[in-house]
Amino acid sequence: MKIQQNPFGNNEKIVFPVNYDLKIILLANGRHSDNKAMIEQVFVKLGVTFLNWRHKDSGKGKYTSYTVHVRISSEILMKNLYAELRSIPGFKMAI
């Protein structure tokens, strides 16, 4: 059996600018409009372009995921974005 190499290995670099769907998972502890406003505040602060919001509650209702299409212009901006998202109350993860 032949094993294929992972195309996303350690040698792969992200080429900026990059557009992708960012998923942010929060504890389901507030209204969707409030959570969206907190996330938008981070985007505006950092100058991240965003559009096409979607949200979905987890099966048991413990978490809510917010998916939004973003454009990230540099690695520094990406690192700052994830650091700022961690400061949102109820933040669980962003992927």
PDB file of N, CA and C in Angstrom:
ATOM      1  N   MET A   1       0.847  -1.165   0.000  1.00  0.00           N
ATOM      2  CA  MET A   1       0.000   0.000   0.000  1.00  0.00           C
ATOM      3  C   MET A   1       0.896   1.233   0.000  1.00  0.00           C
ATOM      4  N   LYS A   2       0.572   2.187  -0.870  1.00  0.00           N
ATOM      5  CA  LYS A   2       1.349   3.410  -0.972  1.00  0.00           C
ATOM      6  C   LYS A   2       0.682   4.503  -0.144  1.00  0.00           C
ATOM      7  N   ILE A   3       1.463   5.178   0.698  1.00  0.00           N
ATOM      8  CA  ILE A   3       0.947   6.254   1.534  1.00  0.00           C
ATOM      9  C   ILE A   3       1.287   7.585   0.871  1.00  0.00           C
ATOM     10  N   GLN A   4       0.269   8.414   0.677  1.00  0.00           N
ATOM     11  CA  GLN A   4       0.493   9.720   0.066  1.00  0.00           C
ATOM     12  C   GLN A   4       0.952  10.726   1.113  1.00  0.00           C
ATOM     13  N   GLN A   5       1.785  11.681   0.682  1.00  0.00           N
ATOM     14  CA  GLN A   5       2.229  12.719   1.582  1.00  0.00           C
ATOM     15  C   GLN A   5       1.095  13.703   1.843  1.00  0.00           C
ATOM     16  N   ASN A   6       1.096  14.257   3.022  1.00  0.00           N
ATOM     17  CA  ASN A   6       0.125  15.274   3.394  1.00  0.00           C
ATOM     18  C   ASN A   6       0.431  16.560   2.630  1.00  0.00           C
ATOM     19  N   PRO A   7      -0.498  17.063   1.822  1.00  0.00           N
ATOM     20  CA  PRO A   7      -0.238  18.290   1.068  1.00  0.00           C
ATOM     21  C   PRO A   7      -0.168  19.525   1.958  1.00  0.00           C
ATOM     22  N   PHE A   8      -0.570  19.399   3.220  1.00  0.00           N
ATOM     23  CA  PHE A   8      -0.543  20.524   4.152  1.00  0.00           C
ATOM     24  C   PHE A   8       0.542  20.328   5.202  1.00  0.00           C
ATOM     25  N   GLY A   9       1.651  19.757   4.806  1.00  0.00           N
ATOM     26  CA  GLY A   9       2.751  19.476   5.724  1.00  0.00           C
ATOM     27  C   GLY A   9       3.437  20.728   6.219  1.00  0.00           C
ATOM     28  N   ASN A  10       4.454  20.528   7.045  1.00  0.00           N
ATOM     29  CA  ASN A  10       5.170  21.630   7.670  1.00  0.00           C
ATOM     30  C   ASN A  10       5.872  22.538   6.673  1.00  0.00           C
ATOM     31  N   ASN A  11       6.164  22.067   5.483  1.00  0.00           N
ATOM     32  CA  ASN A  11       6.877  22.876   4.505  1.00  0.00           C
ATOM     33  C   ASN A  11       5.954  23.801   3.717  1.00  0.00           C
ATOM     34  N   GLU A  12       4.648  23.653   3.891  1.00  0.00           N
ATOM     35  CA  GLU A  12       3.699  24.476   3.149  1.00  0.00           C
ATOM     36  C   GLU A  12       3.552  25.841   3.823  1.00  0.00           C
ATOM     37  N   LYS A  13       3.604  26.896   3.038  1.00  0.00           N
ATOM     38  CA  LYS A  13       3.438  28.263   3.528  1.00  0.00           C
ATOM     39  C   LYS A  13       2.153  28.838   2.951  1.00  0.00           C
ATOM     40  N   ILE A  14       1.471  29.627   3.738  1.00  0.00           N
ATOM     41  CA  ILE A  14       0.289  30.332   3.255  1.00  0.00           C
ATOM     42  C   ILE A  14       0.771  31.528   2.444  1.00  0.00           C
ATOM     43  N   VAL A  15       0.184  31.709   1.284  1.00  0.00           N
ATOM     44  CA  VAL A  15       0.518  32.847   0.436  1.00  0.00           C
ATOM     45  C   VAL A  15      -0.551  33.918   0.664  1.00  0.00           C
ATOM     46  N   PHE A  16      -0.133  35.063   1.168  1.00  0.00           N
ATOM     47  CA  PHE A  16      -1.043  36.163   1.466  1.00  0.00           C
ATOM     48  C   PHE A  16      -1.087  37.134   0.290  1.00  0.00           C
ATOM     49  N   PRO A  17      -2.214  37.811   0.084  1.00  0.00           N
ATOM     50  CA  PRO A  17      -3.442  37.750   0.880  1.00  0.00           C
ATOM     51  C   PRO A  17      -4.190  36.441   0.637  1.00  0.00           C
ATOM     52  N   VAL A  18      -5.007  36.078   1.610  1.00  0.00           N
ATOM     53  CA  VAL A  18      -5.760  34.836   1.537  1.00  0.00           C
ATOM     54  C   VAL A  18      -7.217  35.113   1.923  1.00  0.00           C
ATOM     55  N   ASN A  19      -8.134  34.465   1.216  1.00  0.00           N
ATOM     56  CA  ASN A  19      -9.570  34.523   1.518  1.00  0.00           C
ATOM     57  C   ASN A  19      -9.996  33.148   2.005  1.00  0.00           C
ATOM     58  N   TYR A  20     -10.746  33.114   3.101  1.00  0.00           N
ATOM     59  CA  TYR A  20     -11.243  31.825   3.586  1.00  0.00           C
ATOM     60  C   TYR A  20     -12.423  32.017   4.520  1.00  0.00           C
ATOM     61  N   ASP A  21     -13.135  30.930   4.780  1.00  0.00           N
ATOM     62  CA  ASP A  21     -14.238  30.945   5.735  1.00  0.00           C
ATOM     63  C   ASP A  21     -13.672  30.669   7.121  1.00  0.00           C
ATOM     64  N   LEU A  22     -13.814  31.645   7.994  1.00  0.00           N
ATOM     65  CA  LEU A  22     -13.344  31.548   9.375  1.00  0.00           C
ATOM     66  C   LEU A  22     -14.508  31.100  10.241  1.00  0.00           C
ATOM     67  N   LYS A  23     -14.300  30.061  11.041  1.00  0.00           N
ATOM     68  CA  LYS A  23     -15.340  29.582  11.957  1.00  0.00           C
ATOM     69  C   LYS A  23     -14.907  29.917  13.373  1.00  0.00           C
ATOM     70  N   ILE A  24     -15.779  30.616  14.101  1.00  0.00           N
ATOM     71  CA  ILE A  24     -15.525  31.020  15.473  1.00  0.00           C
ATOM     72  C   ILE A  24     -16.573  30.336  16.338  1.00  0.00           C
ATOM     73  N   ILE A  25     -16.127  29.617  17.347  1.00  0.00           N
ATOM     74  CA  ILE A  25     -17.045  28.879  18.214  1.00  0.00           C
ATOM     75  C   ILE A  25     -17.060  29.541  19.578  1.00  0.00           C
ATOM     76  N   LEU A  26     -18.274  29.881  20.022  1.00  0.00           N
ATOM     77  CA  LEU A  26     -18.481  30.517  21.320  1.00  0.00           C
ATOM     78  C   LEU A  26     -19.432  29.669  22.152  1.00  0.00           C
ATOM     79  N   LEU A  27     -19.334  29.809  23.469  1.00  0.00           N
ATOM     80  CA  LEU A  27     -20.350  29.218  24.328  1.00  0.00           C
ATOM     81  C   LEU A  27     -21.665  29.910  24.009  1.00  0.00           C
ATOM     82  N   ALA A  28     -22.746  29.173  24.011  1.00  0.00           N
ATOM     83  CA  ALA A  28     -24.066  29.732  23.680  1.00  0.00           C
ATOM     84  C   ALA A  28     -24.594  30.480  24.896  1.00  0.00           C
ATOM     85  N   ASN A  29     -24.015  31.661  25.149  1.00  0.00           N
ATOM     86  CA  ASN A  29     -24.368  32.398  26.358  1.00  0.00           C
ATOM     87  C   ASN A  29     -24.913  33.789  26.069  1.00  0.00           C
ATOM     88  N   GLY A  30     -25.289  34.043  24.852  1.00  0.00           N
ATOM     89  CA  GLY A  30     -25.801  35.367  24.521  1.00  0.00           C
ATOM     90  C   GLY A  30     -26.627  35.348  23.257  1.00  0.00           C
ATOM     91  N   ARG A  31     -27.095  36.539  22.895  1.00  0.00           N
ATOM     92  CA  ARG A  31     -27.880  36.661  21.668  1.00  0.00           C
ATOM     93  C   ARG A  31     -26.942  36.665  20.471  1.00  0.00           C
ATOM     94  N   HIS A  32     -27.428  36.139  19.347  1.00  0.00           N
ATOM     95  CA  HIS A  32     -26.607  36.075  18.143  1.00  0.00           C
ATOM     96  C   HIS A  32     -26.164  37.475  17.703  1.00  0.00           C
ATOM     97  N   SER A  33     -27.053  38.443  17.801  1.00  0.00           N
ATOM     98  CA  SER A  33     -26.696  39.799  17.373  1.00  0.00           C
ATOM     99  C   SER A  33     -25.573  40.375  18.233  1.00  0.00           C
ATOM    100  N   ASP A  34     -25.579  40.089  19.531  1.00  0.00           N
ATOM    101  CA  ASP A  34     -24.510  40.572  20.420  1.00  0.00           C
ATOM    102  C   ASP A  34     -23.187  39.880  20.111  1.00  0.00           C
ATOM    103  N   ASN A  35     -23.239  38.566  19.918  1.00  0.00           N
ATOM    104  CA  ASN A  35     -22.018  37.820  19.602  1.00  0.00           C
ATOM    105  C   ASN A  35     -21.433  38.280  18.266  1.00  0.00           C
ATOM    106  N   LYS A  36     -22.292  38.460  17.278  1.00  0.00           N
ATOM    107  CA  LYS A  36     -21.842  38.918  15.973  1.00  0.00           C
ATOM    108  C   LYS A  36     -21.213  40.301  16.090  1.00  0.00           C
ATOM    109  N   ALA A  37     -21.799  41.173  16.887  1.00  0.00           N
ATOM    110  CA  ALA A  37     -21.265  42.525  17.073  1.00  0.00           C
ATOM    111  C   ALA A  37     -19.870  42.488  17.706  1.00  0.00           C
ATOM    112  N   MET A  38     -19.662  41.595  18.667  1.00  0.00           N
ATOM    113  CA  MET A  38     -18.335  41.484  19.300  1.00  0.00           C
ATOM    114  C   MET A  38     -17.287  41.009  18.297  1.00  0.00           C
ATOM    115  N   ILE A  39     -17.664  40.045  17.466  1.00  0.00           N
ATOM    116  CA  ILE A  39     -16.735  39.534  16.447  1.00  0.00           C
ATOM    117  C   ILE A  39     -16.453  40.623  15.409  1.00  0.00           C
ATOM    118  N   GLU A  40     -17.506  41.311  14.964  1.00  0.00           N
ATOM    119  CA  GLU A  40     -17.331  42.388  13.990  1.00  0.00           C
ATOM    120  C   GLU A  40     -16.411  43.481  14.525  1.00  0.00           C
ATOM    121  N   GLN A  41     -16.515  43.769  15.792  1.00  0.00           N
ATOM    122  CA  GLN A  41     -15.677  44.793  16.414  1.00  0.00           C
ATOM    123  C   GLN A  41     -14.195  44.439  16.252  1.00  0.00           C
ATOM    124  N   VAL A  42     -13.862  43.168  16.395  1.00  0.00           N
ATOM    125  CA  VAL A  42     -12.478  42.710  16.200  1.00  0.00           C
ATOM    126  C   VAL A  42     -12.064  42.916  14.746  1.00  0.00           C
ATOM    127  N   PHE A  43     -12.929  42.535  13.811  1.00  0.00           N
ATOM    128  CA  PHE A  43     -12.610  42.692  12.392  1.00  0.00           C
ATOM    129  C   PHE A  43     -12.366  44.160  12.041  1.00  0.00           C
ATOM    130  N   VAL A  44     -13.248  45.030  12.515  1.00  0.00           N
ATOM    131  CA  VAL A  44     -13.130  46.457  12.214  1.00  0.00           C
ATOM    132  C   VAL A  44     -11.855  47.023  12.837  1.00  0.00           C
ATOM    133  N   LYS A  45     -11.576  46.659  14.065  1.00  0.00           N
ATOM    134  CA  LYS A  45     -10.374  47.136  14.759  1.00  0.00           C
ATOM    135  C   LYS A  45      -9.108  46.806  13.970  1.00  0.00           C
ATOM    136  N   LEU A  46      -9.067  45.599  13.400  1.00  0.00           N
ATOM    137  CA  LEU A  46      -7.875  45.136  12.687  1.00  0.00           C
ATOM    138  C   LEU A  46      -7.914  45.429  11.184  1.00  0.00           C
ATOM    139  N   GLY A  47      -9.036  45.910  10.691  1.00  0.00           N
ATOM    140  CA  GLY A  47      -9.149  46.203   9.262  1.00  0.00           C
ATOM    141  C   GLY A  47      -9.309  44.970   8.399  1.00  0.00           C
ATOM    142  N   VAL A  48      -9.943  43.940   8.947  1.00  0.00           N
ATOM    143  CA  VAL A  48     -10.177  42.695   8.210  1.00  0.00           C
ATOM    144  C   VAL A  48     -11.484  42.822   7.428  1.00  0.00           C
ATOM    145  N   THR A  49     -11.432  42.538   6.137  1.00  0.00           N
ATOM    146  CA  THR A  49     -12.626  42.543   5.293  1.00  0.00           C
ATOM    147  C   THR A  49     -13.412  41.259   5.563  1.00  0.00           C
ATOM    148  N   PHE A  50     -14.726  41.392   5.738  1.00  0.00           N
ATOM    149  CA  PHE A  50     -15.551  40.220   6.063  1.00  0.00           C
ATOM    150  C   PHE A  50     -16.917  40.341   5.406  1.00  0.00           C
ATOM    151  N   LEU A  51     -17.530  39.165   5.103  1.00  0.00           N
ATOM    152  CA  LEU A  51     -18.881  39.125   4.544  1.00  0.00           C
ATOM    153  C   LEU A  51     -19.444  37.720   4.656  1.00  0.00           C
ATOM    154  N   ASN A  52     -20.730  37.590   4.343  1.00  0.00           N
ATOM    155  CA  ASN A  52     -21.442  36.292   4.321  1.00  0.00           C
ATOM    156  C   ASN A  52     -21.468  35.598   5.682  1.00  0.00           C
ATOM    157  N   TRP A  53     -22.120  36.218   6.646  1.00  0.00           N
ATOM    158  CA  TRP A  53     -22.269  35.633   7.983  1.00  0.00           C
ATOM    159  C   TRP A  53     -23.224  34.448   7.976  1.00  0.00           C
ATOM    160  N   ARG A  54     -22.880  33.424   8.750  1.00  0.00           N
ATOM    161  CA  ARG A  54     -23.762  32.292   9.027  1.00  0.00           C
ATOM    162  C   ARG A  54     -23.557  31.893  10.488  1.00  0.00           C
ATOM    163  N   HIS A  55     -24.575  31.358  11.108  1.00  0.00           N
ATOM    164  CA  HIS A  55     -24.386  30.824  12.466  1.00  0.00           C
ATOM    165  C   HIS A  55     -25.212  29.555  12.629  1.00  0.00           C
ATOM    166  N   LYS A  56     -24.743  28.734  13.567  1.00  0.00           N
ATOM    167  CA  LYS A  56     -25.415  27.455  13.816  1.00  0.00           C
ATOM    168  C   LYS A  56     -25.190  27.071  15.270  1.00  0.00           C
ATOM    169  N   ASP A  57     -26.256  26.649  15.920  1.00  0.00           N
ATOM    170  CA  ASP A  57     -26.150  26.164  17.293  1.00  0.00           C
ATOM    171  C   ASP A  57     -25.781  24.689  17.280  1.00  0.00           C
ATOM    172  N   SER A  58     -25.010  24.275  18.285  1.00  0.00           N
ATOM    173  CA  SER A  58     -24.643  22.863  18.382  1.00  0.00           C
ATOM    174  C   SER A  58     -25.880  22.035  18.710  1.00  0.00           C
ATOM    175  N   GLY A  59     -25.769  20.745  18.507  1.00  0.00           N
ATOM    176  CA  GLY A  59     -26.895  19.842  18.722  1.00  0.00           C
ATOM    177  C   GLY A  59     -27.485  19.915  20.117  1.00  0.00           C
ATOM    178  N   LYS A  60     -26.634  20.055  21.123  1.00  0.00           N
ATOM    179  CA  LYS A  60     -27.104  20.125  22.506  1.00  0.00           C
ATOM    180  C   LYS A  60     -27.289  21.560  22.982  1.00  0.00           C
ATOM    181  N   GLY A  61     -27.003  22.519  22.108  1.00  0.00           N
ATOM    182  CA  GLY A  61     -27.226  23.915  22.447  1.00  0.00           C
ATOM    183  C   GLY A  61     -26.173  24.552  23.337  1.00  0.00           C
ATOM    184  N   LYS A  62     -25.044  23.879  23.520  1.00  0.00           N
ATOM    185  CA  LYS A  62     -24.003  24.407  24.397  1.00  0.00           C
ATOM    186  C   LYS A  62     -23.116  25.435  23.691  1.00  0.00           C
ATOM    187  N   TYR A  63     -22.959  25.304  22.381  1.00  0.00           N
ATOM    188  CA  TYR A  63     -22.083  26.178  21.610  1.00  0.00           C
ATOM    189  C   TYR A  63     -22.824  26.757  20.408  1.00  0.00           C
ATOM    190  N   THR A  64     -22.309  27.879  19.920  1.00  0.00           N
ATOM    191  CA  THR A  64     -22.778  28.460  18.666  1.00  0.00           C
ATOM    192  C   THR A  64     -21.559  28.728  17.811  1.00  0.00           C
ATOM    193  N   SER A  65     -21.626  28.327  16.544  1.00  0.00           N
ATOM    194  CA  SER A  65     -20.520  28.619  15.632  1.00  0.00           C
ATOM    195  C   SER A  65     -20.960  29.716  14.677  1.00  0.00           C
ATOM    196  N   TYR A  66     -20.047  30.637  14.445  1.00  0.00           N
ATOM    197  CA  TYR A  66     -20.254  31.740  13.513  1.00  0.00           C
ATOM    198  C   TYR A  66     -19.229  31.567  12.403  1.00  0.00           C
ATOM    199  N   THR A  67     -19.698  31.505  11.170  1.00  0.00           N
ATOM    200  CA  THR A  67     -18.813  31.368  10.020  1.00  0.00           C
ATOM    201  C   THR A  67     -18.939  32.631   9.192  1.00  0.00           C
ATOM    202  N   VAL A  68     -17.792  33.172   8.814  1.00  0.00           N
ATOM    203  CA  VAL A  68     -17.771  34.403   8.040  1.00  0.00           C
ATOM    204  C   VAL A  68     -16.592  34.342   7.077  1.00  0.00           C
ATOM    205  N   HIS A  69     -16.803  34.855   5.877  1.00  0.00           N
ATOM    206  CA  HIS A  69     -15.745  34.870   4.866  1.00  0.00           C
ATOM    207  C   HIS A  69     -14.859  36.090   5.125  1.00  0.00           C
ATOM    208  N   VAL A  70     -13.549  35.868   5.286  1.00  0.00           N
ATOM    209  CA  VAL A  70     -12.616  36.946   5.601  1.00  0.00           C
ATOM    210  C   VAL A  70     -11.496  37.006   4.569  1.00  0.00           C
ATOM    211  N   ARG A  71     -10.850  38.173   4.506  1.00  0.00           N
ATOM    212  CA  ARG A  71      -9.654  38.364   3.671  1.00  0.00           C
ATOM    213  C   ARG A  71      -8.551  38.835   4.607  1.00  0.00           C
ATOM    214  N   ILE A  72      -7.482  38.038   4.670  1.00  0.00           N
ATOM    215  CA  ILE A  72      -6.354  38.329   5.546  1.00  0.00           C
ATOM    216  C   ILE A  72      -5.160  38.688   4.666  1.00  0.00           C
ATOM    217  N   SER A  73      -4.568  39.845   4.936  1.00  0.00           N
ATOM    218  CA  SER A  73      -3.523  40.353   4.047  1.00  0.00           C
ATOM    219  C   SER A  73      -2.105  39.954   4.438  1.00  0.00           C
ATOM    220  N   SER A  74      -1.909  39.489   5.693  1.00  0.00           N
ATOM    221  CA  SER A  74      -0.543  39.148   6.106  1.00  0.00           C
ATOM    222  C   SER A  74      -0.564  38.161   7.269  1.00  0.00           C
ATOM    223  N   GLU A  75       0.575  37.529   7.493  1.00  0.00           N
ATOM    224  CA  GLU A  75       0.705  36.591   8.603  1.00  0.00           C
ATOM    225  C   GLU A  75       0.556  37.310   9.939  1.00  0.00           C
ATOM    226  N   ILE A  76       1.096  38.507  10.037  1.00  0.00           N
ATOM    227  CA  ILE A  76       0.985  39.282  11.280  1.00  0.00           C
ATOM    228  C   ILE A  76      -0.476  39.581  11.589  1.00  0.00           C
ATOM    229  N   LEU A  77      -1.224  39.979  10.562  1.00  0.00           N
ATOM    230  CA  LEU A  77      -2.651  40.245  10.751  1.00  0.00           C
ATOM    231  C   LEU A  77      -3.378  38.986  11.193  1.00  0.00           C
ATOM    232  N   MET A  78      -3.049  37.841  10.613  1.00  0.00           N
ATOM    233  CA  MET A  78      -3.690  36.589  10.998  1.00  0.00           C
ATOM    234  C   MET A  78      -3.425  36.277  12.476  1.00  0.00           C
ATOM    235  N   LYS A  79      -2.197  36.422  12.908  1.00  0.00           N
ATOM    236  CA  LYS A  79      -1.859  36.161  14.312  1.00  0.00           C
ATOM    237  C   LYS A  79      -2.585  37.124  15.239  1.00  0.00           C
ATOM    238  N   ASN A  80      -2.637  38.402  14.852  1.00  0.00           N
ATOM    239  CA  ASN A  80      -3.339  39.393  15.670  1.00  0.00           C
ATOM    240  C   ASN A  80      -4.835  39.101  15.730  1.00  0.00           C
ATOM    241  N   LEU A  81      -5.406  38.653  14.615  1.00  0.00           N
ATOM    242  CA  LEU A  81      -6.828  38.334  14.578  1.00  0.00           C
ATOM    243  C   LEU A  81      -7.154  37.217  15.569  1.00  0.00           C
ATOM    244  N   TYR A  82      -6.399  36.129  15.522  1.00  0.00           N
ATOM    245  CA  TYR A  82      -6.679  35.016  16.434  1.00  0.00           C
ATOM    246  C   TYR A  82      -6.460  35.421  17.885  1.00  0.00           C
ATOM    247  N   ALA A  83      -5.460  36.256  18.158  1.00  0.00           N
ATOM    248  CA  ALA A  83      -5.216  36.744  19.522  1.00  0.00           C
ATOM    249  C   ALA A  83      -6.392  37.597  20.007  1.00  0.00           C
ATOM    250  N   GLU A  84      -6.897  38.472  19.160  1.00  0.00           N
ATOM    251  CA  GLU A  84      -8.029  39.331  19.529  1.00  0.00           C
ATOM    252  C   GLU A  84      -9.309  38.518  19.717  1.00  0.00           C
ATOM    253  N   LEU A  85      -9.525  37.521  18.877  1.00  0.00           N
ATOM    254  CA  LEU A  85     -10.730  36.696  19.017  1.00  0.00           C
ATOM    255  C   LEU A  85     -10.754  35.978  20.360  1.00  0.00           C
ATOM    256  N   ARG A  86      -9.585  35.608  20.867  1.00  0.00           N
ATOM    257  CA  ARG A  86      -9.518  34.921  22.170  1.00  0.00           C
ATOM    258  C   ARG A  86     -10.051  35.784  23.311  1.00  0.00           C
ATOM    259  N   SER A  87     -10.102  37.098  23.115  1.00  0.00           N
ATOM    260  CA  SER A  87     -10.556  37.994  24.184  1.00  0.00           C
ATOM    261  C   SER A  87     -12.081  38.107  24.253  1.00  0.00           C
ATOM    262  N   ILE A  88     -12.797  37.538  23.306  1.00  0.00           N
ATOM    263  CA  ILE A  88     -14.252  37.605  23.286  1.00  0.00           C
ATOM    264  C   ILE A  88     -14.811  36.703  24.385  1.00  0.00           C
ATOM    265  N   PRO A  89     -15.727  37.221  25.213  1.00  0.00           N
ATOM    266  CA  PRO A  89     -16.326  36.394  26.266  1.00  0.00           C
ATOM    267  C   PRO A  89     -16.991  35.146  25.687  1.00  0.00           C
ATOM    268  N   GLY A  90     -16.717  33.997  26.273  1.00  0.00           N
ATOM    269  CA  GLY A  90     -17.296  32.736  25.825  1.00  0.00           C
ATOM    270  C   GLY A  90     -16.569  32.100  24.657  1.00  0.00           C
ATOM    271  N   PHE A  91     -15.431  32.696  24.238  1.00  0.00           N
ATOM    272  CA  PHE A  91     -14.674  32.148  23.104  1.00  0.00           C
ATOM    273  C   PHE A  91     -14.199  30.736  23.433  1.00  0.00           C
ATOM    274  N   LYS A  92     -14.385  29.826  22.488  1.00  0.00           N
ATOM    275  CA  LYS A  92     -13.916  28.458  22.637  1.00  0.00           C
ATOM    276  C   LYS A  92     -12.769  28.162  21.670  1.00  0.00           C
ATOM    277  N   MET A  93     -12.969  28.478  20.368  1.00  0.00           N
ATOM    278  CA  MET A  93     -11.913  28.266  19.377  1.00  0.00           C
ATOM    279  C   MET A  93     -12.272  28.961  18.083  1.00  0.00           C
ATOM    280  N   ALA A  94     -11.252  29.122  17.235  1.00  0.00           N
ATOM    281  CA  ALA A  94     -11.455  29.659  15.888  1.00  0.00           C
ATOM    282  C   ALA A  94     -10.619  28.811  14.942  1.00  0.00           C
ATOM    283  N   ILE A  95     -11.236  28.413  13.834  1.00  0.00           N
ATOM    284  CA  ILE A  95     -10.544  27.585  12.850  1.00  0.00           C
ATOM    285  C   ILE A  95     -10.818  28.108  11.451  1.00  0.00           C
TER     286      ILE A  95
END
